[in-house]
Amino acid sequence: MLLDFIRRHDLDFVFLQEVTDPAILNVTVYATYLNIGATIRGTAILAKHHFPLTNVTSLPTGRAIAADHNGIRLVNVYAPAGTARRADRERFFTSELPALFYATSQSVLLRGDFTRFLHPTDTTGPFTTSRALSEVVRGLALSDAWSQDPPAPRIYALFTQQCHKDRPLPYYPRLTVAENWY
């Protein structure tokens, strides 16, 4: 199902979390950059072969992977979840994740499963935030795609019977990244 979705939408880059089996990521038109950590769950970035990635860096835990493409730092995050893991999550955002943002002047595209929200409009369920995540966003001077003009319709990533609990994802019928994307 995942591979059918990727092929159908002809995506240039794919950011995946909770990756457990590298074999499912064998897609002929993509290079796969995989980071499965000690918990046997990890992150991956798939990039079409004509969008080569360099300086691939990953966290040993498998919770994040980053790479460069044409002056842009692509970062894929899978943050620790759950109330019991709050200290782990805050430590992840303050101590581990910054290692992927080495000192350059390049732009950053940060995607993933953050398990927390920045704004109440990011969820239709309970609003839970992370001070450390907010500091990462502020420190890197990142802007939320939802605050751009014109705003895209909100499509949520996870649906349950109770509510839409995950960060909304921008929906573009087809988003193509040009070779001189910056």
N, C-alpha and C. Protein backbone atom coordinates (compact mmCIF):
# COMPACT_ATOMS: atom_id res chain seq x y z
N MET A 1 0.82 -1.19 0.00
CA MET A 1 0.00 0.00 0.00
C MET A 1 0.87 1.26 0.00
N LEU A 2 1.91 1.30 0.83
CA LEU A 2 2.80 2.45 0.88
C LEU A 2 3.48 2.66 -0.47
N LEU A 3 4.02 1.60 -1.03
CA LEU A 3 4.72 1.74 -2.31
C LEU A 3 3.77 2.16 -3.42
N ASP A 4 2.54 1.68 -3.39
CA ASP A 4 1.55 2.11 -4.37
C ASP A 4 1.28 3.60 -4.24
N PHE A 5 1.17 4.09 -3.01
CA PHE A 5 0.94 5.51 -2.78
C PHE A 5 2.10 6.34 -3.33
N ILE A 6 3.32 5.92 -3.04
CA ILE A 6 4.50 6.65 -3.49
C ILE A 6 4.54 6.68 -5.02
N ARG A 7 4.31 5.56 -5.64
CA ARG A 7 4.32 5.51 -7.11
C ARG A 7 3.19 6.33 -7.71
N ARG A 8 2.01 6.24 -7.16
CA ARG A 8 0.85 6.94 -7.69
C ARG A 8 1.05 8.46 -7.67
N HIS A 9 1.67 8.96 -6.60
CA HIS A 9 1.85 10.40 -6.45
C HIS A 9 3.18 10.90 -7.00
N ASP A 10 4.02 9.97 -7.46
CA ASP A 10 5.28 10.34 -8.10
C ASP A 10 6.07 11.34 -7.25
N LEU A 11 6.25 11.01 -5.98
CA LEU A 11 6.89 11.90 -5.02
C LEU A 11 8.40 11.99 -5.26
N ASP A 12 8.96 13.17 -5.09
CA ASP A 12 10.40 13.36 -5.25
C ASP A 12 11.15 12.93 -4.00
N PHE A 13 10.62 13.27 -2.84
CA PHE A 13 11.19 12.88 -1.55
C PHE A 13 10.09 12.28 -0.70
N VAL A 14 10.45 11.27 0.10
CA VAL A 14 9.51 10.65 1.02
C VAL A 14 10.21 10.55 2.37
N PHE A 15 9.53 11.03 3.43
CA PHE A 15 10.06 10.97 4.79
C PHE A 15 9.23 9.95 5.55
N LEU A 16 9.87 8.92 6.09
CA LEU A 16 9.15 7.85 6.78
C LEU A 16 9.64 7.72 8.22
N GLN A 17 8.70 7.39 9.11
CA GLN A 17 9.01 7.11 10.50
C GLN A 17 8.47 5.73 10.85
N GLU A 18 8.97 5.18 11.95
CA GLU A 18 8.59 3.86 12.43
C GLU A 18 8.92 2.78 11.42
N VAL A 19 10.02 2.95 10.73
CA VAL A 19 10.48 1.97 9.75
C VAL A 19 11.08 0.79 10.50
N THR A 20 10.60 -0.42 10.18
CA THR A 20 11.11 -1.62 10.85
C THR A 20 11.74 -2.61 9.89
N ASP A 21 11.39 -2.55 8.61
CA ASP A 21 11.87 -3.52 7.65
C ASP A 21 12.43 -2.82 6.42
N PRO A 22 13.75 -2.80 6.26
CA PRO A 22 14.33 -2.11 5.12
C PRO A 22 13.93 -2.70 3.77
N ALA A 23 13.52 -3.95 3.74
CA ALA A 23 13.15 -4.60 2.48
C ALA A 23 11.94 -3.94 1.82
N ILE A 24 11.03 -3.37 2.61
CA ILE A 24 9.84 -2.76 2.00
C ILE A 24 10.16 -1.45 1.29
N LEU A 25 11.37 -0.94 1.50
CA LEU A 25 11.73 0.34 0.90
C LEU A 25 12.52 0.18 -0.40
N ASN A 26 12.47 -0.99 -1.00
CA ASN A 26 13.18 -1.24 -2.24
C ASN A 26 12.33 -0.77 -3.42
N VAL A 27 12.49 0.50 -3.77
CA VAL A 27 11.74 1.10 -4.86
C VAL A 27 12.78 1.51 -5.91
N THR A 28 12.65 1.02 -7.12
CA THR A 28 13.70 1.16 -8.12
C THR A 28 14.07 2.60 -8.47
N VAL A 29 13.16 3.52 -8.48
CA VAL A 29 13.50 4.89 -8.89
C VAL A 29 13.98 5.75 -7.73
N TYR A 30 14.11 5.17 -6.54
CA TYR A 30 14.52 5.92 -5.36
C TYR A 30 15.82 5.37 -4.76
N ALA A 31 16.61 6.28 -4.23
CA ALA A 31 17.71 5.91 -3.35
C ALA A 31 17.14 5.95 -1.93
N THR A 32 17.44 4.94 -1.15
CA THR A 32 16.91 4.85 0.21
C THR A 32 18.02 5.14 1.21
N TYR A 33 17.76 6.08 2.10
CA TYR A 33 18.67 6.43 3.18
C TYR A 33 17.97 6.03 4.46
N LEU A 34 18.50 5.02 5.12
CA LEU A 34 17.79 4.34 6.20
C LEU A 34 18.55 4.48 7.51
N ASN A 35 17.81 4.60 8.60
CA ASN A 35 18.40 4.67 9.93
C ASN A 35 17.51 3.91 10.90
N ILE A 36 17.80 2.63 11.07
CA ILE A 36 17.05 1.83 12.05
C ILE A 36 17.94 1.68 13.27
N GLY A 37 17.43 2.12 14.41
CA GLY A 37 18.22 2.14 15.64
C GLY A 37 18.08 0.88 16.47
N ALA A 38 18.54 0.98 17.70
CA ALA A 38 18.56 -0.15 18.62
C ALA A 38 17.17 -0.67 18.97
N THR A 39 16.15 0.18 18.85
CA THR A 39 14.79 -0.25 19.18
C THR A 39 14.12 -0.94 17.99
N ILE A 40 14.84 -1.14 16.93
CA ILE A 40 14.37 -1.77 15.70
C ILE A 40 13.24 -0.97 15.05
N ARG A 41 13.20 0.31 15.30
CA ARG A 41 12.31 1.24 14.61
C ARG A 41 13.15 2.44 14.23
N GLY A 42 12.87 2.97 13.07
CA GLY A 42 13.71 4.07 12.68
C GLY A 42 13.07 5.02 11.69
N THR A 43 13.94 5.75 11.01
CA THR A 43 13.53 6.76 10.06
C THR A 43 14.19 6.48 8.72
N ALA A 44 13.61 7.04 7.67
CA ALA A 44 14.19 6.88 6.33
C ALA A 44 13.80 8.08 5.47
N ILE A 45 14.66 8.38 4.53
CA ILE A 45 14.36 9.35 3.49
C ILE A 45 14.55 8.63 2.17
N LEU A 46 13.54 8.69 1.33
CA LEU A 46 13.64 8.18 -0.03
C LEU A 46 13.76 9.39 -0.95
N ALA A 47 14.69 9.34 -1.88
CA ALA A 47 14.88 10.44 -2.82
C ALA A 47 15.02 9.85 -4.21
N LYS A 48 14.33 10.44 -5.16
CA LYS A 48 14.48 9.98 -6.53
C LYS A 48 15.96 10.07 -6.90
N HIS A 49 16.40 9.15 -7.74
CA HIS A 49 17.83 9.07 -8.08
C HIS A 49 18.38 10.37 -8.66
N HIS A 50 17.57 11.16 -9.32
CA HIS A 50 18.08 12.41 -9.89
C HIS A 50 18.07 13.56 -8.87
N PHE A 51 17.79 13.26 -7.60
CA PHE A 51 17.91 14.21 -6.50
C PHE A 51 18.89 13.62 -5.48
N PRO A 52 20.16 13.58 -5.80
CA PRO A 52 21.12 12.93 -4.89
C PRO A 52 21.24 13.67 -3.56
N LEU A 53 21.37 12.89 -2.50
CA LEU A 53 21.56 13.45 -1.17
C LEU A 53 23.01 13.26 -0.75
N THR A 54 23.53 14.23 -0.02
CA THR A 54 24.91 14.16 0.49
C THR A 54 24.88 14.42 1.99
N ASN A 55 26.03 14.22 2.61
CA ASN A 55 26.19 14.49 4.04
C ASN A 55 25.08 13.86 4.87
N VAL A 56 24.78 12.61 4.60
CA VAL A 56 23.74 11.91 5.36
C VAL A 56 24.24 11.68 6.78
N THR A 57 23.43 12.11 7.74
CA THR A 57 23.77 12.00 9.15
C THR A 57 22.57 11.40 9.87
N SER A 58 22.84 10.51 10.82
CA SER A 58 21.72 9.91 11.54
C SER A 58 22.06 9.79 13.02
N LEU A 59 21.01 9.70 13.81
CA LEU A 59 21.17 9.49 15.25
C LEU A 59 21.22 7.99 15.51
N PRO A 60 22.09 7.53 16.41
CA PRO A 60 22.20 6.09 16.69
C PRO A 60 20.89 5.45 17.15
N THR A 61 20.00 6.25 17.74
CA THR A 61 18.73 5.72 18.22
C THR A 61 17.77 5.37 17.08
N GLY A 62 18.05 5.88 15.87
CA GLY A 62 17.13 5.69 14.75
C GLY A 62 16.05 6.74 14.69
N ARG A 63 16.03 7.66 15.64
CA ARG A 63 14.95 8.64 15.76
C ARG A 63 15.05 9.83 14.82
N ALA A 64 16.13 9.94 14.07
CA ALA A 64 16.23 11.04 13.11
C ALA A 64 17.32 10.75 12.09
N ILE A 65 17.10 11.28 10.90
CA ILE A 65 18.07 11.19 9.82
C ILE A 65 18.03 12.51 9.07
N ALA A 66 19.18 12.94 8.58
CA ALA A 66 19.26 14.20 7.85
C ALA A 66 20.20 14.04 6.67
N ALA A 67 19.99 14.88 5.67
CA ALA A 67 20.85 14.86 4.48
C ALA A 67 20.73 16.21 3.78
N ASP A 68 21.68 16.48 2.92
CA ASP A 68 21.68 17.73 2.17
C ASP A 68 21.29 17.47 0.72
N HIS A 69 20.53 18.40 0.18
CA HIS A 69 20.24 18.40 -1.25
C HIS A 69 20.22 19.84 -1.74
N ASN A 70 21.17 20.16 -2.58
CA ASN A 70 21.18 21.46 -3.26
C ASN A 70 21.01 22.64 -2.31
N GLY A 71 21.76 22.62 -1.20
CA GLY A 71 21.73 23.74 -0.26
C GLY A 71 20.61 23.69 0.76
N ILE A 72 19.89 22.59 0.81
CA ILE A 72 18.81 22.45 1.79
C ILE A 72 19.11 21.25 2.68
N ARG A 73 18.98 21.44 3.98
CA ARG A 73 19.15 20.36 4.94
C ARG A 73 17.79 19.72 5.16
N LEU A 74 17.64 18.47 4.74
CA LEU A 74 16.40 17.71 4.92
C LEU A 74 16.53 16.92 6.23
N VAL A 75 15.58 17.09 7.14
CA VAL A 75 15.65 16.42 8.43
C VAL A 75 14.33 15.71 8.69
N ASN A 76 14.41 14.43 9.00
CA ASN A 76 13.24 13.59 9.27
C ASN A 76 13.33 13.12 10.72
N VAL A 77 12.26 13.37 11.50
CA VAL A 77 12.24 13.15 12.94
C VAL A 77 11.16 12.16 13.34
N TYR A 78 11.48 11.32 14.31
CA TYR A 78 10.52 10.42 14.95
C TYR A 78 10.75 10.55 16.46
N ALA A 79 10.07 11.51 17.07
CA ALA A 79 10.30 11.84 18.48
C ALA A 79 9.69 10.80 19.41
N PRO A 80 10.27 10.62 20.60
CA PRO A 80 9.68 9.71 21.59
C PRO A 80 8.26 10.17 21.96
N ALA A 81 7.36 9.22 22.12
CA ALA A 81 5.95 9.53 22.39
C ALA A 81 5.55 9.07 23.78
N GLY A 82 4.44 9.63 24.26
CA GLY A 82 3.85 9.19 25.52
C GLY A 82 4.22 10.06 26.70
N THR A 83 3.32 10.13 27.64
CA THR A 83 3.52 10.93 28.83
C THR A 83 4.72 10.44 29.64
N ALA A 84 4.89 9.13 29.72
CA ALA A 84 5.98 8.57 30.50
C ALA A 84 7.35 8.89 29.89
N ARG A 85 7.38 9.25 28.62
CA ARG A 85 8.64 9.52 27.93
C ARG A 85 8.89 11.02 27.75
N ARG A 86 8.22 11.84 28.53
CA ARG A 86 8.35 13.29 28.37
C ARG A 86 9.81 13.75 28.50
N ALA A 87 10.50 13.28 29.52
CA ALA A 87 11.90 13.67 29.71
C ALA A 87 12.76 13.22 28.54
N ASP A 88 12.51 12.01 28.02
CA ASP A 88 13.23 11.53 26.85
C ASP A 88 12.97 12.42 25.64
N ARG A 89 11.72 12.82 25.48
CA ARG A 89 11.34 13.66 24.33
C ARG A 89 12.02 15.02 24.42
N GLU A 90 11.99 15.64 25.60
CA GLU A 90 12.61 16.95 25.76
C GLU A 90 14.13 16.85 25.55
N ARG A 91 14.74 15.78 26.05
CA ARG A 91 16.18 15.56 25.84
C ARG A 91 16.48 15.35 24.35
N PHE A 92 15.59 14.63 23.67
CA PHE A 92 15.76 14.42 22.23
C PHE A 92 15.80 15.76 21.50
N PHE A 93 14.84 16.65 21.80
CA PHE A 93 14.79 17.95 21.12
C PHE A 93 15.94 18.87 21.52
N THR A 94 16.39 18.81 22.78
CA THR A 94 17.43 19.75 23.22
C THR A 94 18.86 19.23 23.02
N SER A 95 19.06 17.91 23.11
CA SER A 95 20.41 17.36 23.08
C SER A 95 20.76 16.55 21.84
N GLU A 96 19.82 15.74 21.35
CA GLU A 96 20.12 14.86 20.22
C GLU A 96 19.88 15.52 18.86
N LEU A 97 18.70 16.08 18.67
CA LEU A 97 18.32 16.63 17.38
C LEU A 97 19.26 17.73 16.89
N PRO A 98 19.73 18.65 17.75
CA PRO A 98 20.61 19.71 17.26
C PRO A 98 21.88 19.21 16.55
N ALA A 99 22.31 17.99 16.84
CA ALA A 99 23.50 17.43 16.17
C ALA A 99 23.30 17.32 14.66
N LEU A 100 22.06 17.28 14.20
CA LEU A 100 21.79 17.16 12.77
C LEU A 100 21.80 18.50 12.04
N PHE A 101 21.83 19.58 12.79
CA PHE A 101 21.84 20.92 12.21
C PHE A 101 23.22 21.52 12.39
N TYR A 102 24.18 21.05 11.61
CA TYR A 102 25.52 21.59 11.76
C TYR A 102 25.54 23.03 11.27
N ALA A 103 26.55 23.75 11.66
CA ALA A 103 26.62 25.20 11.41
C ALA A 103 26.84 25.51 9.93
N THR A 104 25.76 25.73 9.22
CA THR A 104 25.83 26.18 7.83
C THR A 104 24.74 27.22 7.65
N SER A 105 24.79 27.87 6.53
CA SER A 105 23.78 28.89 6.25
C SER A 105 22.67 28.35 5.36
N GLN A 106 22.60 27.04 5.21
CA GLN A 106 21.60 26.48 4.31
C GLN A 106 20.20 26.47 4.92
N SER A 107 19.23 26.35 4.06
CA SER A 107 17.84 26.26 4.50
C SER A 107 17.57 24.88 5.09
N VAL A 108 16.49 24.78 5.86
CA VAL A 108 16.15 23.52 6.53
C VAL A 108 14.71 23.16 6.20
N LEU A 109 14.50 21.89 5.86
CA LEU A 109 13.16 21.33 5.72
C LEU A 109 13.04 20.26 6.80
N LEU A 110 12.25 20.56 7.83
CA LEU A 110 12.09 19.67 8.98
C LEU A 110 10.72 19.01 8.89
N ARG A 111 10.71 17.67 8.83
CA ARG A 111 9.47 16.90 8.72
C ARG A 111 9.52 15.75 9.70
N GLY A 112 8.38 15.16 9.98
CA GLY A 112 8.39 13.96 10.80
C GLY A 112 7.24 13.86 11.76
N ASP A 113 7.40 12.98 12.72
CA ASP A 113 6.43 12.74 13.77
C ASP A 113 7.01 13.32 15.05
N PHE A 114 6.51 14.49 15.44
CA PHE A 114 7.04 15.21 16.59
C PHE A 114 6.32 14.83 17.88
N THR A 115 5.19 14.17 17.81
CA THR A 115 4.34 13.73 18.92
C THR A 115 3.80 14.88 19.77
N ARG A 116 4.12 16.10 19.42
CA ARG A 116 3.62 17.28 20.12
C ARG A 116 3.29 18.34 19.08
N PHE A 117 2.62 19.40 19.51
CA PHE A 117 2.14 20.42 18.59
C PHE A 117 2.69 21.78 18.97
N LEU A 118 2.72 22.68 18.01
CA LEU A 118 3.16 24.05 18.27
C LEU A 118 1.98 24.98 18.50
N HIS A 119 0.83 24.65 17.90
CA HIS A 119 -0.35 25.53 17.98
C HIS A 119 -1.60 24.68 18.19
N PRO A 120 -2.59 25.19 18.89
CA PRO A 120 -3.84 24.44 19.09
C PRO A 120 -4.52 24.06 17.77
N THR A 121 -4.32 24.85 16.72
CA THR A 121 -4.94 24.53 15.43
C THR A 121 -4.28 23.36 14.73
N ASP A 122 -3.18 22.84 15.27
CA ASP A 122 -2.49 21.70 14.68
C ASP A 122 -3.17 20.37 14.98
N THR A 123 -4.21 20.38 15.80
CA THR A 123 -4.89 19.15 16.18
C THR A 123 -6.35 19.44 16.45
N THR A 124 -7.19 18.43 16.25
CA THR A 124 -8.58 18.55 16.66
C THR A 124 -8.78 17.82 17.99
N GLY A 125 -7.73 17.17 18.46
CA GLY A 125 -7.77 16.48 19.75
C GLY A 125 -7.12 17.32 20.82
N PRO A 126 -6.69 16.69 21.90
CA PRO A 126 -6.05 17.42 22.98
C PRO A 126 -4.76 18.09 22.49
N PHE A 127 -4.55 19.33 22.91
CA PHE A 127 -3.37 20.09 22.52
C PHE A 127 -2.26 19.84 23.53
N THR A 128 -1.18 19.21 23.09
CA THR A 128 -0.01 18.99 23.94
C THR A 128 1.19 19.57 23.22
N THR A 129 1.96 20.35 23.93
CA THR A 129 3.08 21.03 23.30
C THR A 129 4.39 20.61 23.96
N SER A 130 5.48 21.03 23.37
CA SER A 130 6.81 20.78 23.90
C SER A 130 7.59 22.07 23.85
N ARG A 131 8.04 22.53 25.00
CA ARG A 131 8.85 23.75 25.04
C ARG A 131 10.13 23.56 24.25
N ALA A 132 10.73 22.38 24.35
CA ALA A 132 11.99 22.12 23.63
C ALA A 132 11.78 22.15 22.11
N LEU A 133 10.67 21.58 21.62
CA LEU A 133 10.38 21.64 20.19
C LEU A 133 10.18 23.09 19.75
N SER A 134 9.46 23.86 20.54
CA SER A 134 9.27 25.28 20.22
C SER A 134 10.60 26.00 20.13
N GLU A 135 11.54 25.67 21.01
CA GLU A 135 12.86 26.31 21.00
C GLU A 135 13.66 25.91 19.76
N VAL A 136 13.54 24.66 19.33
CA VAL A 136 14.21 24.23 18.10
C VAL A 136 13.69 25.03 16.92
N VAL A 137 12.37 25.14 16.81
CA VAL A 137 11.75 25.88 15.71
C VAL A 137 12.17 27.34 15.75
N ARG A 138 12.13 27.95 16.92
CA ARG A 138 12.51 29.35 17.07
C ARG A 138 14.01 29.55 16.81
N GLY A 139 14.84 28.66 17.35
CA GLY A 139 16.29 28.79 17.19
C GLY A 139 16.76 28.68 15.75
N LEU A 140 16.06 27.87 14.97
CA LEU A 140 16.42 27.71 13.55
C LEU A 140 15.68 28.70 12.66
N ALA A 141 14.83 29.53 13.27
CA ALA A 141 14.02 30.52 12.53
C ALA A 141 13.19 29.83 11.45
N LEU A 142 12.59 28.69 11.81
CA LEU A 142 11.75 27.96 10.87
C LEU A 142 10.36 28.59 10.82
N SER A 143 9.72 28.49 9.68
CA SER A 143 8.34 28.97 9.57
C SER A 143 7.46 27.79 9.21
N ASP A 144 6.27 27.79 9.77
CA ASP A 144 5.31 26.73 9.57
C ASP A 144 4.66 26.86 8.20
N ALA A 145 4.62 25.77 7.45
CA ALA A 145 4.01 25.80 6.12
C ALA A 145 2.56 26.25 6.17
N TRP A 146 1.89 26.02 7.30
CA TRP A 146 0.49 26.42 7.41
C TRP A 146 0.31 27.92 7.52
N SER A 147 1.36 28.63 7.89
CA SER A 147 1.23 30.08 8.04
C SER A 147 1.56 30.83 6.76
N GLN A 148 1.87 30.11 5.71
CA GLN A 148 2.22 30.74 4.43
C GLN A 148 0.96 31.11 3.66
N ASP A 149 1.11 32.06 2.76
CA ASP A 149 0.00 32.46 1.89
C ASP A 149 0.16 31.80 0.54
N PRO A 150 -0.87 31.29 -0.08
CA PRO A 150 -2.18 31.06 0.54
C PRO A 150 -2.13 29.81 1.40
N PRO A 151 -2.90 29.76 2.46
CA PRO A 151 -2.88 28.57 3.31
C PRO A 151 -3.49 27.37 2.58
N ALA A 152 -2.87 26.24 2.79
CA ALA A 152 -3.38 25.00 2.19
C ALA A 152 -4.46 24.41 3.09
N PRO A 153 -5.38 23.63 2.52
CA PRO A 153 -6.37 22.98 3.39
C PRO A 153 -5.66 22.00 4.32
N ARG A 154 -6.16 21.89 5.54
CA ARG A 154 -5.54 21.00 6.51
C ARG A 154 -6.01 19.56 6.32
N ILE A 155 -5.06 18.69 6.13
CA ILE A 155 -5.30 17.27 6.03
C ILE A 155 -4.52 16.63 7.18
N TYR A 156 -5.18 15.88 8.03
CA TYR A 156 -4.52 15.33 9.21
C TYR A 156 -3.90 13.98 8.91
N ALA A 157 -2.80 13.70 9.61
CA ALA A 157 -2.00 12.52 9.34
C ALA A 157 -2.55 11.25 9.98
N LEU A 158 -3.23 11.37 11.09
CA LEU A 158 -3.71 10.20 11.82
C LEU A 158 -5.16 10.43 12.20
N PHE A 159 -6.00 9.51 11.81
CA PHE A 159 -7.41 9.61 12.15
C PHE A 159 -7.75 8.49 13.12
N THR A 160 -8.51 8.82 14.16
CA THR A 160 -9.02 7.79 15.06
C THR A 160 -10.51 8.01 15.18
N GLN A 161 -11.19 7.15 15.86
CA GLN A 161 -12.63 7.33 16.04
C GLN A 161 -12.93 8.56 16.88
N GLN A 162 -11.99 8.93 17.79
CA GLN A 162 -12.23 10.05 18.66
C GLN A 162 -11.92 11.39 18.00
N CYS A 163 -10.81 11.47 17.29
CA CYS A 163 -10.40 12.77 16.75
C CYS A 163 -9.24 12.60 15.77
N HIS A 164 -8.87 13.70 15.17
CA HIS A 164 -7.67 13.75 14.35
C HIS A 164 -6.56 14.16 15.30
N LYS A 165 -5.65 13.25 15.61
CA LYS A 165 -4.72 13.50 16.70
C LYS A 165 -3.34 13.92 16.28
N ASP A 166 -3.04 13.93 15.02
CA ASP A 166 -1.68 14.20 14.62
C ASP A 166 -1.57 15.49 13.86
N ARG A 167 -0.36 15.96 13.70
CA ARG A 167 -0.05 17.19 12.99
C ARG A 167 -0.67 17.15 11.60
N PRO A 168 -1.36 18.21 11.22
CA PRO A 168 -1.89 18.22 9.86
C PRO A 168 -0.76 18.24 8.85
N LEU A 169 -1.00 17.60 7.74
CA LEU A 169 -0.01 17.56 6.68
C LEU A 169 -0.46 18.45 5.54
N PRO A 170 0.47 19.19 4.96
CA PRO A 170 0.07 19.99 3.80
C PRO A 170 -0.30 19.06 2.66
N TYR A 171 -1.28 19.40 1.92
CA TYR A 171 -1.70 18.58 0.80
C TYR A 171 -1.46 19.36 -0.49
N TYR A 172 -0.68 18.79 -1.33
CA TYR A 172 -0.44 19.35 -2.65
C TYR A 172 -0.76 18.26 -3.64
N PRO A 173 -1.61 18.52 -4.64
CA PRO A 173 -1.90 17.47 -5.61
C PRO A 173 -0.63 16.88 -6.20
N ARG A 174 0.36 17.71 -6.41
CA ARG A 174 1.67 17.23 -6.85
C ARG A 174 2.68 18.32 -6.52
N LEU A 175 3.63 17.99 -5.70
CA LEU A 175 4.67 18.94 -5.35
C LEU A 175 5.96 18.43 -5.97
N THR A 176 6.49 19.18 -6.89
CA THR A 176 7.73 18.78 -7.56
C THR A 176 8.85 19.72 -7.13
N VAL A 177 9.97 19.16 -6.83
CA VAL A 177 11.12 19.94 -6.42
C VAL A 177 12.05 20.08 -7.61
N ALA A 178 12.34 21.30 -7.99
CA ALA A 178 13.23 21.55 -9.12
C ALA A 178 14.68 21.32 -8.70
N GLU A 179 15.54 21.09 -9.67
CA GLU A 179 16.96 20.90 -9.38
C GLU A 179 17.54 22.13 -8.70
N ASN A 180 17.05 23.33 -9.00
CA ASN A 180 17.58 24.53 -8.39
C ASN A 180 16.69 25.00 -7.24
N TRP A 181 16.10 24.07 -6.53
CA TRP A 181 15.18 24.35 -5.43
C TRP A 181 15.95 24.98 -4.28
N TYR A 182 15.55 26.16 -3.87
CA TYR A 182 16.15 26.83 -2.72
C TYR A 182 15.33 28.00 -2.28
